[in-house]
């Protein structure tokens, strides 16, 4: 039995409009619901969201998730 190496992809997105922990949680929650996402870290002060996923994410799906949270993918 061979174990395939699990490669994860880390992508950093710029998100406009986040100002606090609540904002970070809202964006993280929406992006976390996307298929293949294993980790999301949002930092309001930097305006960045770091997403770890099993495979590349569709940018429009990420944009829709960020929009749903009430913010804007830059």
PDB file of N, CA and C in Angstrom:
ATOM      1  N   UNK A   1       0.849  -1.178   0.000  1.00  0.00           N
ATOM      2  CA  UNK A   1       0.000   0.000   0.000  1.00  0.00           C
ATOM      3  C   UNK A   1       0.897   1.243   0.000  1.00  0.00           C
ATOM      4  N   UNK A   2       0.672   2.139  -0.937  1.00  0.00           N
ATOM      5  CA  UNK A   2       1.462   3.364  -0.987  1.00  0.00           C
ATOM      6  C   UNK A   2       0.612   4.541  -0.544  1.00  0.00           C
ATOM      7  N   UNK A   3       1.233   5.407   0.191  1.00  0.00           N
ATOM      8  CA  UNK A   3       0.530   6.607   0.645  1.00  0.00           C
ATOM      9  C   UNK A   3       0.914   7.758  -0.278  1.00  0.00           C
ATOM     10  N   UNK A   4      -0.082   8.383  -0.860  1.00  0.00           N
ATOM     11  CA  UNK A   4       0.183   9.536  -1.719  1.00  0.00           C
ATOM     12  C   UNK A   4       0.449  10.752  -0.851  1.00  0.00           C
ATOM     13  N   UNK A   5       1.417  11.538  -1.243  1.00  0.00           N
ATOM     14  CA  UNK A   5       1.721  12.756  -0.499  1.00  0.00           C
ATOM     15  C   UNK A   5       0.587  13.760  -0.687  1.00  0.00           C
ATOM     16  N   UNK A   6       0.080  14.226   0.403  1.00  0.00           N
ATOM     17  CA  UNK A   6      -0.983  15.230   0.335  1.00  0.00           C
ATOM     18  C   UNK A   6      -0.326  16.598   0.188  1.00  0.00           C
ATOM     19  N   UNK A   7      -0.539  17.230  -0.931  1.00  0.00           N
ATOM     20  CA  UNK A   7       0.020  18.561  -1.111  1.00  0.00           C
ATOM     21  C   UNK A   7      -1.092  19.574  -0.919  1.00  0.00           C
ATOM     22  N   UNK A   8      -0.809  20.551  -0.111  1.00  0.00           N
ATOM     23  CA  UNK A   8      -1.793  21.604   0.130  1.00  0.00           C
ATOM     24  C   UNK A   8      -1.290  22.885  -0.506  1.00  0.00           C
ATOM     25  N   UNK A   9      -2.219  23.675  -0.938  1.00  0.00           N
ATOM     26  CA  UNK A   9      -1.920  24.927  -1.604  1.00  0.00           C
ATOM     27  C   UNK A   9      -2.313  26.074  -0.682  1.00  0.00           C
ATOM     28  N   UNK A  10      -1.399  27.019  -0.489  1.00  0.00           N
ATOM     29  CA  UNK A  10      -1.692  28.193   0.333  1.00  0.00           C
ATOM     30  C   UNK A  10      -1.807  29.406  -0.579  1.00  0.00           C
ATOM     31  N   UNK A  11      -2.921  30.112  -0.467  1.00  0.00           N
ATOM     32  CA  UNK A  11      -3.167  31.296  -1.287  1.00  0.00           C
ATOM     33  C   UNK A  11      -3.540  32.453  -0.364  1.00  0.00           C
ATOM     34  N   UNK A  12      -2.984  33.628  -0.628  1.00  0.00           N
ATOM     35  CA  UNK A  12      -3.317  34.820   0.150  1.00  0.00           C
ATOM     36  C   UNK A  12      -4.158  35.745  -0.727  1.00  0.00           C
ATOM     37  N   UNK A  13      -5.324  36.100  -0.220  1.00  0.00           N
ATOM     38  CA  UNK A  13      -6.238  37.000  -0.923  1.00  0.00           C
ATOM     39  C   UNK A  13      -6.290  38.329  -0.187  1.00  0.00           C
ATOM     40  N   UNK A  14      -6.470  39.409  -0.943  1.00  0.00           N
ATOM     41  CA  UNK A  14      -6.675  40.736  -0.366  1.00  0.00           C
ATOM     42  C   UNK A  14      -8.181  40.966  -0.272  1.00  0.00           C
ATOM     43  N   UNK A  15      -8.650  41.350   0.906  1.00  0.00           N
ATOM     44  CA  UNK A  15     -10.076  41.584   1.122  1.00  0.00           C
ATOM     45  C   UNK A  15     -10.253  42.981   1.699  1.00  0.00           C
ATOM     46  N   UNK A  16     -11.118  43.756   1.053  1.00  0.00           N
ATOM     47  CA  UNK A  16     -11.366  45.135   1.462  1.00  0.00           C
ATOM     48  C   UNK A  16     -12.602  45.198   2.359  1.00  0.00           C
ATOM     49  N   UNK A  17     -12.496  45.963   3.445  1.00  0.00           N
ATOM     50  CA  UNK A  17     -13.652  46.213   4.298  1.00  0.00           C
ATOM     51  C   UNK A  17     -13.598  45.572   5.671  1.00  0.00           C
ATOM     52  N   UNK A  18     -12.669  44.640   5.896  1.00  0.00           N
ATOM     53  CA  UNK A  18     -12.575  44.014   7.221  1.00  0.00           C
ATOM     54  C   UNK A  18     -11.944  44.997   8.208  1.00  0.00           C
ATOM     55  N   UNK A  19     -12.566  45.135   9.392  1.00  0.00           N
ATOM     56  CA  UNK A  19     -12.037  46.072  10.384  1.00  0.00           C
ATOM     57  C   UNK A  19     -11.860  45.465  11.768  1.00  0.00           C
ATOM     58  N   UNK A  20     -12.401  44.261  11.997  1.00  0.00           N
ATOM     59  CA  UNK A  20     -12.371  43.720  13.363  1.00  0.00           C
ATOM     60  C   UNK A  20     -12.442  42.198  13.356  1.00  0.00           C
ATOM     61  N   UNK A  21     -12.433  41.619  14.543  1.00  0.00           N
ATOM     62  CA  UNK A  21     -12.510  40.176  14.689  1.00  0.00           C
ATOM     63  C   UNK A  21     -13.790  39.587  14.129  1.00  0.00           C
ATOM     64  N   UNK A  22     -14.899  40.322  14.275  1.00  0.00           N
ATOM     65  CA  UNK A  22     -16.165  39.848  13.716  1.00  0.00           C
ATOM     66  C   UNK A  22     -16.046  39.730  12.197  1.00  0.00           C
ATOM     67  N   UNK A  23     -15.424  40.711  11.569  1.00  0.00           N
ATOM     68  CA  UNK A  23     -15.216  40.688  10.121  1.00  0.00           C
ATOM     69  C   UNK A  23     -14.392  39.465   9.729  1.00  0.00           C
ATOM     70  N   UNK A  24     -13.310  39.235  10.474  1.00  0.00           N
ATOM     71  CA  UNK A  24     -12.444  38.088  10.198  1.00  0.00           C
ATOM     72  C   UNK A  24     -13.236  36.785  10.275  1.00  0.00           C
ATOM     73  N   UNK A  25     -14.074  36.670  11.294  1.00  0.00           N
ATOM     74  CA  UNK A  25     -14.868  35.465  11.477  1.00  0.00           C
ATOM     75  C   UNK A  25     -15.878  35.262  10.362  1.00  0.00           C
ATOM     76  N   UNK A  26     -16.504  36.347   9.925  1.00  0.00           N
ATOM     77  CA  UNK A  26     -17.505  36.252   8.862  1.00  0.00           C
ATOM     78  C   UNK A  26     -16.871  35.779   7.558  1.00  0.00           C
ATOM     79  N   UNK A  27     -15.739  36.377   7.206  1.00  0.00           N
ATOM     80  CA  UNK A  27     -15.046  35.997   5.971  1.00  0.00           C
ATOM     81  C   UNK A  27     -14.513  34.568   6.080  1.00  0.00           C
ATOM     82  N   UNK A  28     -13.907  34.239   7.215  1.00  0.00           N
ATOM     83  CA  UNK A  28     -13.365  32.894   7.421  1.00  0.00           C
ATOM     84  C   UNK A  28     -14.453  31.836   7.323  1.00  0.00           C
ATOM     85  N   UNK A  29     -15.591  32.118   7.922  1.00  0.00           N
ATOM     86  CA  UNK A  29     -16.697  31.162   7.903  1.00  0.00           C
ATOM     87  C   UNK A  29     -17.201  30.875   6.498  1.00  0.00           C
ATOM     88  N   UNK A  30     -17.357  31.917   5.703  1.00  0.00           N
ATOM     89  CA  UNK A  30     -17.854  31.734   4.331  1.00  0.00           C
ATOM     90  C   UNK A  30     -16.844  30.979   3.466  1.00  0.00           C
ATOM     91  N   UNK A  31     -15.570  31.355   3.563  1.00  0.00           N
ATOM     92  CA  UNK A  31     -14.554  30.693   2.737  1.00  0.00           C
ATOM     93  C   UNK A  31     -14.342  29.250   3.202  1.00  0.00           C
ATOM     94  N   UNK A  32     -14.432  29.003   4.506  1.00  0.00           N
ATOM     95  CA  UNK A  32     -14.263  27.649   5.040  1.00  0.00           C
ATOM     96  C   UNK A  32     -15.277  26.673   4.469  1.00  0.00           C
ATOM     97  N   UNK A  33     -16.436  27.182   4.069  1.00  0.00           N
ATOM     98  CA  UNK A  33     -17.503  26.329   3.533  1.00  0.00           C
ATOM     99  C   UNK A  33     -17.229  25.862   2.101  1.00  0.00           C
ATOM    100  N   UNK A  34     -16.226  26.447   1.446  1.00  0.00           N
ATOM    101  CA  UNK A  34     -15.912  26.041   0.072  1.00  0.00           C
ATOM    102  C   UNK A  34     -15.279  24.648   0.063  1.00  0.00           C
ATOM    103  N   UNK A  35     -15.618  23.821  -0.916  1.00  0.00           N
ATOM    104  CA  UNK A  35     -15.050  22.469  -1.007  1.00  0.00           C
ATOM    105  C   UNK A  35     -13.526  22.504  -1.131  1.00  0.00           C
ATOM    106  N   UNK A  36     -12.854  21.671  -0.349  1.00  0.00           N
ATOM    107  CA  UNK A  36     -11.403  21.548  -0.434  1.00  0.00           C
ATOM    108  C   UNK A  36     -10.634  22.448   0.502  1.00  0.00           C
ATOM    109  N   UNK A  37     -11.312  23.405   1.144  1.00  0.00           N
ATOM    110  CA  UNK A  37     -10.627  24.326   2.053  1.00  0.00           C
ATOM    111  C   UNK A  37     -10.348  23.612   3.368  1.00  0.00           C
ATOM    112  N   UNK A  38      -9.080  23.666   3.803  1.00  0.00           N
ATOM    113  CA  UNK A  38      -8.713  23.016   5.060  1.00  0.00           C
ATOM    114  C   UNK A  38      -8.410  24.010   6.176  1.00  0.00           C
ATOM    115  N   UNK A  39      -8.094  25.256   5.820  1.00  0.00           N
ATOM    116  CA  UNK A  39      -7.758  26.258   6.832  1.00  0.00           C
ATOM    117  C   UNK A  39      -7.947  27.659   6.257  1.00  0.00           C
ATOM    118  N   UNK A  40      -8.445  28.564   7.103  1.00  0.00           N
ATOM    119  CA  UNK A  40      -8.603  29.967   6.700  1.00  0.00           C
ATOM    120  C   UNK A  40      -8.140  30.843   7.847  1.00  0.00           C
ATOM    121  N   UNK A  41      -7.281  31.813   7.552  1.00  0.00           N
ATOM    122  CA  UNK A  41      -6.838  32.776   8.550  1.00  0.00           C
ATOM    123  C   UNK A  41      -7.042  34.172   7.974  1.00  0.00           C
ATOM    124  N   UNK A  42      -7.935  34.938   8.599  1.00  0.00           N
ATOM    125  CA  UNK A  42      -8.191  36.302   8.148  1.00  0.00           C
ATOM    126  C   UNK A  42      -7.538  37.278   9.120  1.00  0.00           C
ATOM    127  N   UNK A  43      -6.897  38.315   8.583  1.00  0.00           N
ATOM    128  CA  UNK A  43      -6.266  39.341   9.400  1.00  0.00           C
ATOM    129  C   UNK A  43      -6.796  40.693   8.931  1.00  0.00           C
ATOM    130  N   UNK A  44      -7.728  41.248   9.706  1.00  0.00           N
ATOM    131  CA  UNK A  44      -8.382  42.497   9.314  1.00  0.00           C
ATOM    132  C   UNK A  44      -7.386  43.635   9.141  1.00  0.00           C
ATOM    133  N   UNK A  45      -6.452  43.758  10.068  1.00  0.00           N
ATOM    134  CA  UNK A  45      -5.489  44.863  10.023  1.00  0.00           C
ATOM    135  C   UNK A  45      -4.698  44.879   8.722  1.00  0.00           C
ATOM    136  N   UNK A  46      -4.357  43.694   8.202  1.00  0.00           N
ATOM    137  CA  UNK A  46      -3.589  43.580   6.957  1.00  0.00           C
ATOM    138  C   UNK A  46      -4.496  43.521   5.737  1.00  0.00           C
ATOM    139  N   UNK A  47      -5.800  43.256   5.959  1.00  0.00           N
ATOM    140  CA  UNK A  47      -6.715  43.102   4.836  1.00  0.00           C
ATOM    141  C   UNK A  47      -6.428  41.847   4.033  1.00  0.00           C
ATOM    142  N   UNK A  48      -5.919  40.824   4.725  1.00  0.00           N
ATOM    143  CA  UNK A  48      -5.527  39.597   4.047  1.00  0.00           C
ATOM    144  C   UNK A  48      -6.258  38.384   4.608  1.00  0.00           C
ATOM    145  N   UNK A  49      -6.509  37.441   3.721  1.00  0.00           N
ATOM    146  CA  UNK A  49      -7.083  36.155   4.109  1.00  0.00           C
ATOM    147  C   UNK A  49      -6.189  35.077   3.502  1.00  0.00           C
ATOM    148  N   UNK A  50      -5.616  34.243   4.359  1.00  0.00           N
ATOM    149  CA  UNK A  50      -4.762  33.147   3.910  1.00  0.00           C
ATOM    150  C   UNK A  50      -5.595  31.881   3.918  1.00  0.00           C
ATOM    151  N   UNK A  51      -5.668  31.220   2.770  1.00  0.00           N
ATOM    152  CA  UNK A  51      -6.496  30.029   2.610  1.00  0.00           C
ATOM    153  C   UNK A  51      -5.601  28.848   2.234  1.00  0.00           C
ATOM    154  N   UNK A  52      -5.751  27.752   2.985  1.00  0.00           N
ATOM    155  CA  UNK A  52      -5.056  26.514   2.661  1.00  0.00           C
ATOM    156  C   UNK A  52      -6.111  25.563   2.108  1.00  0.00           C
ATOM    157  N   UNK A  53      -5.828  24.997   0.940  1.00  0.00           N
ATOM    158  CA  UNK A  53      -6.802  24.113   0.300  1.00  0.00           C
ATOM    159  C   UNK A  53      -6.096  22.910  -0.322  1.00  0.00           C
ATOM    160  N   UNK A  54      -6.881  21.871  -0.549  1.00  0.00           N
ATOM    161  CA  UNK A  54      -6.348  20.639  -1.127  1.00  0.00           C
ATOM    162  C   UNK A  54      -5.995  20.815  -2.597  1.00  0.00           C
ATOM    163  N   UNK A  55      -6.658  21.744  -3.268  1.00  0.00           N
ATOM    164  CA  UNK A  55      -6.407  22.015  -4.684  1.00  0.00           C
ATOM    165  C   UNK A  55      -6.705  23.490  -4.946  1.00  0.00           C
ATOM    166  N   UNK A  56      -6.282  24.011  -6.095  1.00  0.00           N
ATOM    167  CA  UNK A  56      -6.559  25.419  -6.386  1.00  0.00           C
ATOM    168  C   UNK A  56      -8.056  25.714  -6.339  1.00  0.00           C
ATOM    169  N   UNK A  57      -8.391  26.852  -5.757  1.00  0.00           N
ATOM    170  CA  UNK A  57      -9.792  27.265  -5.659  1.00  0.00           C
ATOM    171  C   UNK A  57     -10.163  28.156  -6.836  1.00  0.00           C
ATOM    172  N   UNK A  58     -11.403  28.082  -7.233  1.00  0.00           N
ATOM    173  CA  UNK A  58     -11.919  28.969  -8.264  1.00  0.00           C
ATOM    174  C   UNK A  58     -12.036  30.368  -7.669  1.00  0.00           C
ATOM    175  N   UNK A  59     -11.355  31.337  -8.269  1.00  0.00           N
ATOM    176  CA  UNK A  59     -11.343  32.698  -7.716  1.00  0.00           C
ATOM    177  C   UNK A  59     -12.765  33.271  -7.602  1.00  0.00           C
ATOM    178  N   UNK A  60     -13.625  32.933  -8.562  1.00  0.00           N
ATOM    179  CA  UNK A  60     -15.000  33.444  -8.510  1.00  0.00           C
ATOM    180  C   UNK A  60     -15.777  32.841  -7.341  1.00  0.00           C
ATOM    181  N   UNK A  61     -15.465  31.605  -6.972  1.00  0.00           N
ATOM    182  CA  UNK A  61     -16.109  30.990  -5.808  1.00  0.00           C
ATOM    183  C   UNK A  61     -15.650  31.693  -4.531  1.00  0.00           C
ATOM    184  N   UNK A  62     -14.364  32.030  -4.479  1.00  0.00           N
ATOM    185  CA  UNK A  62     -13.837  32.765  -3.318  1.00  0.00           C
ATOM    186  C   UNK A  62     -14.474  34.156  -3.279  1.00  0.00           C
ATOM    187  N   UNK A  63     -14.568  34.804  -4.439  1.00  0.00           N
ATOM    188  CA  UNK A  63     -15.188  36.136  -4.510  1.00  0.00           C
ATOM    189  C   UNK A  63     -16.634  36.078  -4.013  1.00  0.00           C
ATOM    190  N   UNK A  64     -17.378  35.056  -4.434  1.00  0.00           N
ATOM    191  CA  UNK A  64     -18.771  34.918  -4.015  1.00  0.00           C
ATOM    192  C   UNK A  64     -18.873  34.719  -2.504  1.00  0.00           C
ATOM    193  N   UNK A  65     -17.948  33.941  -1.936  1.00  0.00           N
ATOM    194  CA  UNK A  65     -17.953  33.706  -0.486  1.00  0.00           C
ATOM    195  C   UNK A  65     -17.665  35.004   0.268  1.00  0.00           C
ATOM    196  N   UNK A  66     -16.690  35.760  -0.219  1.00  0.00           N
ATOM    197  CA  UNK A  66     -16.326  37.036   0.421  1.00  0.00           C
ATOM    198  C   UNK A  66     -17.498  38.023   0.288  1.00  0.00           C
ATOM    199  N   UNK A  67     -18.135  38.063  -0.886  1.00  0.00           N
ATOM    200  CA  UNK A  67     -19.298  38.923  -1.102  1.00  0.00           C
ATOM    201  C   UNK A  67     -20.422  38.547  -0.140  1.00  0.00           C
ATOM    202  N   UNK A  68     -20.639  37.241   0.035  1.00  0.00           N
ATOM    203  CA  UNK A  68     -21.705  36.759   0.926  1.00  0.00           C
ATOM    204  C   UNK A  68     -21.466  37.247   2.363  1.00  0.00           C
ATOM    205  N   UNK A  69     -20.187  37.347   2.738  1.00  0.00           N
ATOM    206  CA  UNK A  69     -19.843  37.818   4.079  1.00  0.00           C
ATOM    207  C   UNK A  69     -19.984  39.342   4.189  1.00  0.00           C
ATOM    208  N   UNK A  70     -20.135  40.018   3.044  1.00  0.00           N
ATOM    209  CA  UNK A  70     -20.311  41.465   3.053  1.00  0.00           C
ATOM    210  C   UNK A  70     -19.048  42.263   2.799  1.00  0.00           C
ATOM    211  N   UNK A  71     -18.047  41.618   2.211  1.00  0.00           N
ATOM    212  CA  UNK A  71     -16.778  42.297   1.960  1.00  0.00           C
ATOM    213  C   UNK A  71     -16.404  42.154   0.492  1.00  0.00           C
ATOM    214  N   UNK A  72     -15.250  42.714   0.109  1.00  0.00           N
ATOM    215  CA  UNK A  72     -14.892  42.744  -1.308  1.00  0.00           C
ATOM    216  C   UNK A  72     -13.519  42.131  -1.527  1.00  0.00           C
ATOM    217  N   UNK A  73     -13.452  41.140  -2.422  1.00  0.00           N
ATOM    218  CA  UNK A  73     -12.174  40.557  -2.823  1.00  0.00           C
ATOM    219  C   UNK A  73     -11.518  41.541  -3.779  1.00  0.00           C
ATOM    220  N   UNK A  74     -10.277  41.905  -3.481  1.00  0.00           N
ATOM    221  CA  UNK A  74      -9.553  42.889  -4.291  1.00  0.00           C
ATOM    222  C   UNK A  74      -8.803  42.186  -5.408  1.00  0.00           C
TER     223      UNK A  74
END
